[in-house]
Protein backbone atom coordinates (compact mmCIF):
# COMPACT_ATOMS: atom_id res chain seq x y z
CA MET A 1 128.14 -11.98 -19.47
CA SER A 2 124.63 -13.02 -20.57
CA VAL A 3 122.55 -15.20 -18.27
CA ALA A 4 120.37 -17.94 -19.77
CA PRO A 5 116.65 -17.18 -19.96
CA ARG A 6 114.36 -18.56 -17.29
CA THR A 7 112.71 -21.83 -18.13
CA ASP A 8 109.58 -21.17 -16.08
CA GLY A 9 107.41 -18.25 -15.02
CA VAL A 10 107.12 -14.84 -16.62
CA LEU A 11 108.28 -13.44 -19.95
CA VAL A 12 111.36 -11.57 -18.75
CA ASP A 13 114.14 -10.13 -20.88
CA ARG A 14 117.82 -9.68 -20.04
CA TYR A 15 117.14 -6.12 -18.86
CA GLY A 16 114.60 -7.26 -16.30
CA ARG A 17 111.48 -6.07 -18.12
CA VAL A 18 108.48 -8.37 -17.74
CA ALA A 19 105.95 -8.68 -20.58
CA ARG A 20 102.40 -8.99 -19.24
CA ASP A 21 100.60 -7.22 -22.13
CA LEU A 22 100.02 -9.37 -25.22
CA ARG A 23 99.03 -7.80 -28.56
CA VAL A 24 97.47 -10.34 -30.94
CA SER A 25 97.00 -9.52 -34.62
CA LEU A 26 93.98 -11.37 -36.02
CA THR A 27 94.45 -10.39 -39.67
CA ASP A 28 96.70 -8.25 -41.85
CA LYS A 29 93.72 -7.10 -43.94
CA CYS A 30 91.93 -3.78 -43.50
CA ASN A 31 88.93 -2.03 -45.01
CA LEU A 32 90.65 1.39 -44.94
CA ARG A 33 93.83 2.51 -46.73
CA CYS A 34 95.33 5.06 -44.33
CA THR A 35 98.17 6.91 -46.05
CA TYR A 36 100.58 6.41 -43.13
CA CYS A 37 99.97 2.65 -43.14
CA MET A 38 99.53 1.21 -46.62
CA PRO A 39 99.28 2.14 -50.32
CA ALA A 40 95.95 2.82 -52.02
CA GLU A 41 95.95 -0.55 -53.77
CA GLY A 42 96.48 -2.45 -50.53
CA LEU A 43 99.18 -5.06 -49.88
CA PRO A 44 99.85 -8.71 -50.70
CA TRP A 45 97.76 -10.29 -47.96
CA LEU A 46 98.76 -13.39 -46.05
CA ALA A 47 97.41 -16.57 -47.65
CA GLY A 48 94.75 -18.46 -45.69
CA PRO A 49 96.96 -21.40 -44.67
CA GLU A 50 99.55 -18.98 -43.28
CA LEU A 51 97.08 -17.48 -40.82
CA LEU A 52 96.59 -18.99 -37.41
CA THR A 53 93.20 -20.65 -37.03
CA ASP A 54 90.83 -19.49 -34.31
CA GLU A 55 91.76 -22.54 -32.22
CA GLU A 56 95.49 -21.89 -32.67
CA ILE A 57 95.11 -18.27 -31.58
CA VAL A 58 93.20 -19.28 -28.47
CA ARG A 59 95.75 -21.96 -27.62
CA LEU A 60 98.69 -19.55 -27.85
CA VAL A 61 96.85 -16.93 -25.80
CA ARG A 62 96.09 -19.64 -23.22
CA VAL A 63 99.79 -20.51 -23.04
CA ALA A 64 100.59 -16.83 -22.53
CA VAL A 65 98.00 -16.41 -19.78
CA GLU A 66 98.33 -19.70 -17.93
CA ARG A 67 102.08 -20.31 -18.23
CA LEU A 68 103.63 -16.90 -18.85
CA ASP A 69 101.61 -14.64 -16.52
CA VAL A 70 100.19 -12.41 -19.26
CA THR A 71 97.35 -10.35 -17.75
CA GLU A 72 96.31 -8.08 -20.64
CA VAL A 73 95.30 -9.23 -24.14
CA ARG A 74 94.59 -6.77 -26.93
CA PHE A 75 93.33 -7.91 -30.32
CA THR A 76 94.55 -5.88 -33.29
CA GLY A 77 94.99 -6.15 -37.05
CA GLY A 78 94.90 -5.03 -39.78
CA GLU A 79 91.28 -4.60 -38.83
CA PRO A 80 90.21 -7.22 -36.26
CA LEU A 81 86.47 -6.66 -36.77
CA ILE A 82 86.72 -8.35 -40.19
CA ARG A 83 87.99 -11.61 -38.63
CA PRO A 84 85.01 -14.01 -38.97
CA GLY A 85 85.75 -15.83 -35.70
CA LEU A 86 86.30 -12.74 -33.57
CA LEU A 87 83.39 -13.29 -31.18
CA ASP A 88 84.33 -16.90 -30.52
CA ILE A 89 87.98 -15.96 -29.94
CA VAL A 90 87.02 -13.23 -27.44
CA ALA A 91 84.66 -15.58 -25.62
CA ALA A 92 87.29 -18.32 -25.36
CA VAL A 93 89.91 -15.91 -24.01
CA ALA A 94 87.42 -14.46 -21.52
CA ALA A 95 86.86 -18.00 -20.20
CA LEU A 96 90.55 -18.47 -19.31
CA GLU A 97 91.67 -18.69 -15.69
CA PRO A 98 92.99 -16.34 -14.53
CA ARG A 99 90.89 -14.14 -16.78
CA PRO A 100 92.96 -11.51 -18.61
CA ARG A 101 91.67 -8.02 -19.30
CA ILE A 102 90.63 -7.97 -22.98
CA SER A 103 90.66 -4.98 -25.32
CA LEU A 104 90.55 -4.39 -29.06
CA THR A 105 92.03 -1.77 -31.40
CA THR A 106 89.82 -1.05 -34.40
CA ASN A 107 89.03 1.56 -37.04
CA GLY A 108 85.44 1.42 -35.77
CA ILE A 109 83.71 0.46 -39.01
CA GLY A 110 80.95 -1.98 -38.06
CA LEU A 111 81.59 -1.56 -34.34
CA ASP A 112 78.11 -0.14 -33.74
CA ARG A 113 76.65 -3.45 -34.91
CA LEU A 114 79.15 -5.73 -33.16
CA ALA A 115 79.67 -3.88 -29.88
CA PRO A 116 76.83 -5.50 -27.89
CA ALA A 117 77.89 -9.02 -28.94
CA LEU A 118 81.54 -8.25 -28.19
CA ARG A 119 80.59 -7.04 -24.73
CA THR A 120 78.55 -10.19 -24.13
CA ALA A 121 81.48 -12.32 -25.33
CA GLY A 122 83.75 -10.71 -22.73
CA LEU A 123 85.47 -7.75 -24.36
CA ASP A 124 86.25 -5.07 -21.78
CA ARG A 125 87.05 -1.99 -23.87
CA VAL A 126 88.11 -0.61 -27.25
CA ASN A 127 90.58 1.78 -28.86
CA VAL A 128 89.20 3.37 -32.03
CA SER A 129 91.43 5.04 -34.62
CA LEU A 130 90.18 8.48 -35.65
CA ASP A 131 92.53 11.11 -37.08
CA THR A 132 90.14 13.92 -37.96
CA LEU A 133 86.51 15.00 -37.67
CA ASP A 134 86.53 16.69 -41.07
CA PRO A 135 84.88 14.43 -43.68
CA ALA A 136 87.08 15.60 -46.55
CA ARG A 137 90.29 15.13 -44.56
CA PHE A 138 89.09 11.76 -43.32
CA THR A 139 88.62 10.63 -46.91
CA GLN A 140 92.01 12.05 -47.86
CA LEU A 141 93.73 10.20 -45.01
CA THR A 142 91.92 6.86 -45.28
CA ARG A 143 90.97 6.88 -48.97
CA ARG A 144 87.46 5.88 -47.91
CA PRO A 145 84.44 8.15 -47.10
CA ARG A 146 83.57 6.31 -43.89
CA LEU A 147 83.75 8.95 -41.15
CA ASP A 148 80.07 8.52 -40.25
CA ALA A 149 80.63 4.78 -39.75
CA VAL A 150 83.55 5.41 -37.38
CA LEU A 151 81.55 7.93 -35.34
CA ALA A 152 78.67 5.45 -35.14
CA GLY A 153 81.14 2.80 -33.97
CA LEU A 154 82.39 5.02 -31.17
CA ALA A 155 78.84 5.74 -30.01
CA GLY A 156 77.93 2.06 -30.22
CA ALA A 157 80.94 1.03 -28.14
CA ALA A 158 80.06 3.54 -25.42
CA ALA A 159 76.41 2.44 -25.41
CA ALA A 160 77.47 -1.21 -25.05
CA GLY A 161 79.62 -0.40 -22.01
CA LEU A 162 83.02 -1.00 -23.64
CA ALA A 163 84.57 1.64 -21.42
CA PRO A 164 86.74 3.53 -21.34
CA VAL A 165 86.41 4.19 -25.06
CA LYS A 166 89.75 5.50 -26.26
CA ILE A 167 90.48 7.35 -29.49
CA ASN A 168 93.86 6.90 -31.18
CA SER A 169 94.89 9.76 -33.49
CA VAL A 170 97.92 10.20 -35.73
CA LEU A 171 98.70 13.68 -37.03
CA MET A 172 100.20 14.23 -40.49
CA ARG A 173 101.99 17.48 -41.24
CA GLY A 174 100.15 19.55 -43.81
CA VAL A 175 97.06 17.35 -43.61
CA ASN A 176 95.50 17.14 -40.14
CA ASP A 177 98.21 18.62 -37.91
CA GLY A 178 95.81 21.37 -36.78
CA ASP A 179 93.06 18.96 -35.73
CA ALA A 180 94.28 18.09 -32.22
CA PRO A 181 92.15 20.67 -30.33
CA ALA A 182 88.97 19.67 -32.18
CA LEU A 183 89.63 15.99 -31.50
CA LEU A 184 90.12 16.69 -27.80
CA ARG A 185 86.96 18.80 -27.63
CA PHE A 186 85.03 15.97 -29.30
CA ALA A 187 86.46 13.40 -26.88
CA LEU A 188 85.64 15.52 -23.84
CA ASP A 189 82.08 16.16 -25.05
CA HIS A 190 81.39 12.45 -25.51
CA GLY A 191 83.28 11.00 -22.56
CA TYR A 192 86.00 9.38 -24.68
CA GLN A 193 89.72 9.38 -23.88
CA LEU A 194 92.00 10.82 -26.57
CA ARG A 195 95.49 9.51 -27.29
CA ILE A 196 97.55 11.29 -29.96
CA ILE A 197 100.39 9.21 -31.38
CA GLU A 198 103.56 10.34 -33.10
CA GLN A 199 103.74 8.81 -36.56
CA MET A 200 106.14 5.86 -36.46
CA PRO A 201 108.33 4.30 -39.17
CA LEU A 202 105.95 1.42 -39.83
CA ASP A 203 104.36 2.38 -43.16
CA ALA A 204 104.40 -0.15 -45.98
CA GLN A 205 105.78 2.46 -48.39
CA HIS A 206 108.80 3.18 -46.13
CA GLY A 207 108.17 6.86 -46.69
CA TRP A 208 108.40 7.92 -43.03
CA ASP A 209 110.50 11.02 -42.50
CA ARG A 210 111.34 12.20 -39.01
CA ASN A 211 111.60 15.80 -40.18
CA SER A 212 107.98 15.80 -41.32
CA MET A 213 106.64 13.97 -38.26
CA VAL A 214 104.44 15.99 -35.90
CA THR A 215 106.23 15.74 -32.56
CA ALA A 216 104.82 15.40 -29.07
CA GLU A 217 105.95 18.93 -28.27
CA GLU A 218 104.08 20.28 -31.26
CA ILE A 219 100.99 18.29 -30.29
CA LEU A 220 101.02 19.73 -26.78
CA THR A 221 101.57 23.25 -28.10
CA SER A 222 98.56 22.86 -30.38
CA LEU A 223 96.34 21.54 -27.60
CA ARG A 224 97.36 24.40 -25.32
CA THR A 225 95.90 26.92 -27.74
CA ARG A 226 92.48 25.88 -26.39
CA PHE A 227 93.07 23.94 -23.18
CA ASP A 228 95.06 24.22 -19.99
CA LEU A 229 97.25 21.12 -19.60
CA SER A 230 99.07 20.10 -16.44
CA PRO A 231 101.14 16.97 -15.75
CA ASP A 232 99.14 14.00 -14.53
CA PRO A 233 100.27 13.15 -10.97
CA ALA A 234 99.17 9.52 -11.38
CA GLU A 235 101.90 6.92 -11.79
CA ARG A 236 102.47 6.19 -15.49
CA GLY A 237 103.89 2.70 -15.03
CA ALA A 238 104.31 0.84 -18.31
CA ALA A 239 101.60 2.80 -20.14
CA PRO A 240 102.79 4.09 -23.53
CA ALA A 241 100.91 7.38 -23.16
CA GLU A 242 102.16 10.32 -21.12
CA THR A 243 98.95 11.84 -19.79
CA TRP A 244 97.96 15.39 -18.94
CA LEU A 245 95.09 16.78 -16.90
CA VAL A 246 92.78 18.91 -19.05
CA ASN A 247 91.66 22.17 -17.44
CA GLY A 248 92.60 20.82 -14.01
CA GLY A 249 91.01 17.39 -14.50
CA PRO A 250 89.58 14.90 -14.02
CA ALA A 251 89.60 14.57 -17.81
CA ARG A 252 92.94 13.58 -19.33
CA VAL A 253 94.61 13.50 -22.71
CA GLY A 254 97.50 11.27 -23.64
CA VAL A 255 100.43 11.67 -26.01
CA ILE A 256 102.32 8.60 -27.18
CA ALA A 257 105.75 9.86 -28.16
CA SER A 258 107.37 6.64 -29.32
CA VAL A 259 109.96 8.54 -31.37
CA THR A 260 110.90 11.69 -29.45
CA ARG A 261 110.26 10.46 -25.88
CA PRO A 262 110.75 6.67 -26.06
CA PHE A 263 109.56 4.58 -23.14
CA CYS A 264 111.40 1.36 -24.01
CA GLY A 265 112.80 1.00 -20.51
CA ASP A 266 109.31 0.36 -19.13
CA CYS A 267 107.92 -1.67 -22.04
CA ASP A 268 105.77 -4.62 -20.92
CA ARG A 269 104.51 -5.84 -24.32
CA THR A 270 104.90 -8.96 -26.38
CA ARG A 271 103.33 -9.41 -29.82
CA LEU A 272 101.88 -12.29 -31.79
CA THR A 273 101.31 -11.78 -35.52
CA ALA A 274 98.38 -13.23 -37.44
CA ASP A 275 100.69 -15.88 -38.89
CA GLY A 276 102.02 -16.99 -35.52
CA GLN A 277 105.28 -15.08 -35.14
CA VAL A 278 106.41 -13.68 -31.79
CA ARG A 279 107.83 -10.15 -31.92
CA ALA A 280 109.64 -8.86 -28.86
CA CYS A 281 109.40 -5.24 -30.08
CA LEU A 282 107.17 -3.35 -32.48
CA PHE A 283 110.32 -2.31 -34.37
CA ALA A 284 112.07 -5.69 -34.28
CA THR A 285 113.64 -6.95 -37.49
CA GLU A 286 113.51 -10.56 -36.31
CA GLU A 287 110.67 -12.88 -35.32
CA SER A 288 110.30 -16.26 -33.65
CA ASP A 289 108.01 -18.80 -35.31
CA LEU A 290 105.47 -20.39 -32.97
CA ARG A 291 103.17 -21.51 -35.78
CA ALA A 292 105.63 -24.09 -37.08
CA ALA A 293 106.22 -25.46 -33.59
CA LEU A 294 102.50 -25.56 -32.84
CA ARG A 295 101.66 -27.34 -36.08
CA GLY A 296 104.65 -29.62 -35.62
CA GLY A 297 103.19 -31.06 -32.44
CA ALA A 298 104.89 -29.01 -29.74
CA ASP A 299 103.21 -29.22 -26.34
CA ASP A 300 102.35 -26.17 -24.24
CA ASP A 301 105.58 -26.38 -22.26
CA GLU A 302 107.63 -26.24 -25.45
CA LEU A 303 105.60 -23.32 -26.84
CA ALA A 304 106.11 -21.44 -23.57
CA ARG A 305 109.84 -22.19 -23.64
CA ARG A 306 110.18 -20.85 -27.17
CA TRP A 307 108.22 -17.71 -26.25
CA ARG A 308 110.48 -17.07 -23.25
CA THR A 309 113.56 -17.50 -25.41
CA ALA A 310 112.19 -15.03 -27.97
CA MET A 311 111.54 -12.39 -25.31
CA TRP A 312 114.92 -12.91 -23.63
CA GLY A 313 116.55 -11.53 -26.78
CA LYS A 314 114.60 -8.27 -26.69
CA ARG A 315 116.82 -5.26 -27.28
CA ALA A 316 117.19 -2.39 -24.82
CA GLY A 317 115.42 0.07 -27.15
CA HIS A 318 113.90 0.48 -30.60
CA GLY A 319 116.97 2.32 -31.92
CA ILE A 320 115.14 4.80 -34.15
CA ASP A 321 117.80 7.42 -33.38
CA ASP A 322 120.63 5.04 -34.23
CA PRO A 323 122.18 5.72 -37.67
CA THR A 324 122.02 1.97 -38.34
CA PHE A 325 118.26 1.76 -37.65
CA LEU A 326 116.39 -0.28 -40.22
CA GLN A 327 112.63 0.01 -40.55
CA PRO A 328 110.93 -3.38 -40.09
CA THR A 329 110.09 -5.14 -43.34
CA ARG A 330 106.57 -5.74 -42.16
CA PRO A 331 104.27 -2.71 -41.93
CA MET A 332 102.04 -1.99 -38.95
CA SER A 333 99.06 -3.69 -40.62
CA ALA A 334 100.94 -7.00 -40.65
CA ILE A 335 102.55 -6.64 -37.20
CA GLY A 336 99.58 -5.56 -35.13
CA GLY A 337 99.64 -2.46 -32.93
């Protein structure tokens, strides 16, 4: 028998998981066209009036932090660096009490220019997407010859003190599946932290095929051709990455195996899309509309109540292995990572 959701306090679901990590998409637009994310011609972008304003984003984040005990806020996209009000949003969130830890996931283009201002505004750290160090493969994967800009962004983030700088990599079979060791060597040489992610069924083309996905086991096998990996004794907690000590440590590498080694039982995330929809799970097929409530005059208590109700309905797992699994209609660029 289901128990009614709590009407105060944390974002808890019926399985007892508490969401303290908020992912906020600032835009569905991007200046790359990664093959595992969107088609070459792009997508039908959200119209301006559909997007939350800067003030609306800050208000909803404030509700999450002050009334729902969210302690981590990560800004995503699309590509968040192209959001005109990004610096003001970061500064406003950094001024909240209690202050959440603030991070940003980006493709790195323009980060070298913006990193000092982001740090001053209150950003703590960044995750930068980088799938290969080979210029030709980078262009093949992203459909843009911008590898130098991404590398400059990584260096700029490190110089600005946005540490730890993490690299997110997705491997595609037959394209960059042999690049894992080179990416790890690069990360180690520059003091970055590498996270390699199994490709997930979140592409706009709905072309994901589990049989062609590079698995966590294959990733580890590839890395072990050049490095000694041993299990990280540190407690993983709710972190999505399973980490390994590299050559005895202290350096680490992480593998995010959302498909083959799901970690749904420890998930602590809640998501807010750029158009104001709450998603309890990255792979959810349903959303809860906070934008309409906000623009309809709802007070903070009502917004918090609706958010709690949305999270109470979170499913036990993403269900990718279930024969009835349906890929979300929205692609990753519209959901936010």
